[in-house]
């Protein structure tokens, strides 16, 4: 599953259509997850589309952010483990996707989330579809932060030290949130 938004205020247009290394951000994320996730969903208001990607809107009006996107994605998911990736992760390794999916099964957790740089990365994580009622409850309480939501759960597995085996976590967990991020990612893609 891919979480996405529409036009970014900071970027001036739909981020998922931006290219890094000649490939759109949406395609880069889809390619990283589609080998292991047979049901790829694009949630939100993006104008981007790709063959093999199912598009669904948020369930709630008013663009309530990534947690509302998580709600819609979990509700539409066809499988219990759901890999959630922001659509603007240009360097997401397929091996990380597989390891996090496997860890969810082994740990009996409801979420497996990377922890790097002093913070959680809940939009590059695996969720058990069973947390959907918790997501809805959090949204009803006006929680909007996915990190805050994850902090309310009991069975969360954090992945930190193991991240290095997939490369530089600072690279593969980076989001393209500004023109500077985009320029940096483009430079990295050609080096």
Protein backbone atom coordinates (compact mmCIF):
# COMPACT_ATOMS: atom_id res chain seq x y z
CA UNK A 1 0.00 0.00 0.00
CA UNK A 2 1.19 3.51 -0.72
CA UNK A 3 -0.02 6.49 1.29
CA UNK A 4 -0.08 9.65 -0.71
CA UNK A 5 -1.44 13.14 -0.80
CA UNK A 6 -2.29 15.56 -3.51
CA UNK A 7 -0.45 18.72 -4.35
CA UNK A 8 2.18 19.66 -1.82
CA UNK A 9 2.14 23.28 -0.68
CA UNK A 10 5.91 23.28 -0.37
CA UNK A 11 6.47 21.63 -3.75
CA UNK A 12 3.77 23.54 -5.63
CA UNK A 13 2.39 20.40 -7.28
CA UNK A 14 1.71 16.70 -6.80
CA UNK A 15 4.92 15.25 -5.36
CA UNK A 16 4.23 11.75 -6.65
CA UNK A 17 4.66 12.94 -10.23
CA UNK A 18 8.11 14.40 -9.55
CA UNK A 19 11.00 12.39 -10.93
CA UNK A 20 14.19 11.20 -9.29
CA UNK A 21 16.63 9.48 -11.61
CA UNK A 22 14.11 9.78 -14.46
CA UNK A 23 11.45 7.80 -12.57
CA UNK A 24 8.44 9.27 -10.76
CA UNK A 25 8.36 9.02 -6.98
CA UNK A 26 5.17 6.95 -7.22
CA UNK A 27 6.81 4.45 -9.61
CA UNK A 28 9.91 4.19 -7.42
CA UNK A 29 7.84 3.30 -4.33
CA UNK A 30 5.55 0.95 -6.28
CA UNK A 31 8.56 -0.87 -7.73
CA UNK A 32 10.04 -1.30 -4.24
CA UNK A 33 6.90 -2.83 -2.74
CA UNK A 34 5.07 -4.59 -5.57
CA UNK A 35 7.33 -7.67 -5.58
CA UNK A 36 6.14 -8.42 -2.02
CA UNK A 37 2.73 -6.72 -1.87
CA UNK A 38 0.22 -8.00 -4.40
CA UNK A 39 -2.36 -5.35 -3.54
CA UNK A 40 -0.92 -1.85 -4.03
CA UNK A 41 -3.24 0.99 -3.05
CA UNK A 42 -2.82 4.71 -3.60
CA UNK A 43 -4.74 6.63 -0.95
CA UNK A 44 -5.59 10.29 -1.21
CA UNK A 45 -6.02 13.07 -3.70
CA UNK A 46 -3.05 12.56 -5.99
CA UNK A 47 -3.44 12.97 -9.74
CA UNK A 48 -0.78 10.29 -10.21
CA UNK A 49 -1.75 6.84 -11.38
CA UNK A 50 -0.01 3.64 -12.40
CA UNK A 51 -1.19 0.36 -13.83
CA UNK A 52 -1.65 -2.18 -11.07
CA UNK A 53 -2.26 0.45 -8.42
CA UNK A 54 -5.74 0.68 -6.94
CA UNK A 55 -6.80 4.25 -6.12
CA UNK A 56 -9.06 5.03 -3.19
CA UNK A 57 -10.05 8.30 -1.51
CA UNK A 58 -9.76 9.09 2.19
CA UNK A 59 -12.86 8.01 4.10
CA UNK A 60 -13.09 11.36 5.88
CA UNK A 61 -13.61 14.73 4.28
CA UNK A 62 -11.34 17.67 4.85
CA UNK A 63 -7.94 16.10 4.10
CA UNK A 64 -7.21 15.09 7.66
CA UNK A 65 -3.70 13.90 6.96
CA UNK A 66 -1.75 10.65 6.87
CA UNK A 67 -3.63 8.99 9.74
CA UNK A 68 -6.87 9.37 7.77
CA UNK A 69 -5.04 7.91 4.78
CA UNK A 70 -3.97 4.99 6.96
CA UNK A 71 -7.60 4.47 7.96
CA UNK A 72 -8.75 4.35 4.33
CA UNK A 73 -5.89 2.10 3.28
CA UNK A 74 -6.39 -0.40 6.09
CA UNK A 75 -10.13 -0.50 5.38
CA UNK A 76 -9.49 -1.23 1.71
CA UNK A 77 -6.59 -3.67 2.21
CA UNK A 78 -7.19 -7.28 1.22
CA UNK A 79 -4.55 -8.79 3.51
CA UNK A 80 -3.78 -8.68 7.23
CA UNK A 81 -0.19 -7.40 7.03
CA UNK A 82 -0.18 -4.00 5.33
CA UNK A 83 3.06 -2.31 4.36
CA UNK A 84 2.52 1.44 4.50
CA UNK A 85 4.87 3.66 2.53
CA UNK A 86 4.69 7.37 1.94
CA UNK A 87 4.69 7.97 -1.78
CA UNK A 88 7.74 10.20 -1.56
CA UNK A 89 10.39 7.69 -0.44
CA UNK A 90 12.70 7.61 -3.48
CA UNK A 91 15.21 5.10 -2.12
CA UNK A 92 13.03 2.50 -0.37
CA UNK A 93 14.74 -0.93 -0.59
CA UNK A 94 12.58 -3.96 -1.36
CA UNK A 95 14.66 -5.94 1.15
CA UNK A 96 13.53 -3.63 3.96
CA UNK A 97 9.89 -4.14 2.95
CA UNK A 98 10.36 -7.92 3.18
CA UNK A 99 12.17 -7.77 6.50
CA UNK A 100 9.50 -5.59 8.12
CA UNK A 101 6.70 -7.83 6.82
CA UNK A 102 8.50 -10.89 8.17
CA UNK A 103 9.12 -9.20 11.52
CA UNK A 104 5.39 -8.49 11.97
CA UNK A 105 4.67 -12.20 11.66
CA UNK A 106 7.53 -13.26 13.95
CA UNK A 107 6.99 -10.66 16.67
CA UNK A 108 3.23 -10.95 16.96
CA UNK A 109 3.18 -7.15 16.93
CA UNK A 110 0.46 -4.88 15.60
CA UNK A 111 3.02 -2.50 14.07
CA UNK A 112 6.68 -2.83 13.06
CA UNK A 113 8.21 0.60 12.59
CA UNK A 114 11.73 1.86 11.88
CA UNK A 115 13.32 4.16 14.46
CA UNK A 116 16.18 6.26 13.13
CA UNK A 117 17.57 9.72 13.73
CA UNK A 118 15.75 10.00 17.03
CA UNK A 119 12.29 9.50 15.55
CA UNK A 120 9.78 6.97 14.31
CA UNK A 121 9.15 6.48 10.61
CA UNK A 122 5.51 5.32 10.70
CA UNK A 123 4.99 5.94 6.97
CA UNK A 124 7.53 3.24 6.16
CA UNK A 125 6.17 0.53 8.42
CA UNK A 126 4.04 -2.61 8.58
CA UNK A 127 0.64 -2.57 10.27
CA UNK A 128 -1.64 -5.42 11.21
CA UNK A 129 -4.98 -4.63 9.62
CA UNK A 130 -6.52 -5.32 13.04
CA UNK A 131 -5.47 -1.84 14.23
CA UNK A 132 -8.15 -0.26 12.05
CA UNK A 133 -10.60 0.26 14.96
CA UNK A 134 -7.78 1.93 16.92
CA UNK A 135 -7.04 4.24 13.98
CA UNK A 136 -10.71 5.20 13.73
CA UNK A 137 -10.90 5.83 17.47
CA UNK A 138 -7.79 8.02 17.37
CA UNK A 139 -9.19 10.06 14.48
CA UNK A 140 -12.49 10.46 16.34
CA UNK A 141 -10.44 11.88 19.25
CA UNK A 142 -8.84 14.29 16.74
CA UNK A 143 -5.43 12.63 16.75
CA UNK A 144 -3.81 13.43 13.38
CA UNK A 145 -0.19 12.36 13.88
CA UNK A 146 0.66 8.80 12.85
CA UNK A 147 3.60 8.82 15.29
CA UNK A 148 1.30 9.90 18.11
CA UNK A 149 -1.13 7.14 17.16
CA UNK A 150 1.63 4.48 17.11
CA UNK A 151 2.67 5.69 20.58
CA UNK A 152 -0.76 4.70 21.94
CA UNK A 153 -0.44 1.06 20.86
CA UNK A 154 0.80 -1.77 23.08
CA UNK A 155 2.36 -4.28 20.68
CA UNK A 156 4.78 -2.14 18.66
CA UNK A 157 8.07 -3.56 17.45
CA UNK A 158 10.78 -0.96 16.81
CA UNK A 159 13.53 -1.66 14.28
CA UNK A 160 16.68 0.39 14.74
CA UNK A 161 20.08 -1.33 14.65
CA UNK A 162 19.02 -3.79 11.94
CA UNK A 163 18.27 -0.96 9.53
CA UNK A 164 21.95 -0.63 8.56
CA UNK A 165 21.91 -3.98 6.77
CA UNK A 166 19.71 -2.35 4.09
CA UNK A 167 22.05 0.60 3.48
CA UNK A 168 22.05 4.09 4.88
CA UNK A 169 18.80 4.62 6.84
CA UNK A 170 19.19 8.38 6.40
CA UNK A 171 18.94 7.79 2.65
CA UNK A 172 16.20 5.19 2.36
CA UNK A 173 13.97 6.73 5.04
CA UNK A 174 14.17 10.26 3.60
CA UNK A 175 11.04 11.89 2.26
CA UNK A 176 10.95 14.49 -0.48
CA UNK A 177 9.31 17.36 1.39
CA UNK A 178 10.95 20.41 -0.18
CA UNK A 179 12.64 21.52 -3.40
CA UNK A 180 15.95 21.09 -1.56
CA UNK A 181 15.09 17.47 -0.71
CA UNK A 182 14.21 16.86 -4.35
CA UNK A 183 17.48 18.34 -5.58
CA UNK A 184 19.44 16.26 -3.04
CA UNK A 185 17.61 13.05 -4.05
CA UNK A 186 18.25 13.74 -7.72
CA UNK A 187 21.97 14.20 -7.04
CA UNK A 188 22.07 10.94 -5.03
CA UNK A 189 20.23 9.04 -7.77
CA UNK A 190 22.95 9.80 -10.32
CA UNK A 191 25.94 9.18 -8.03
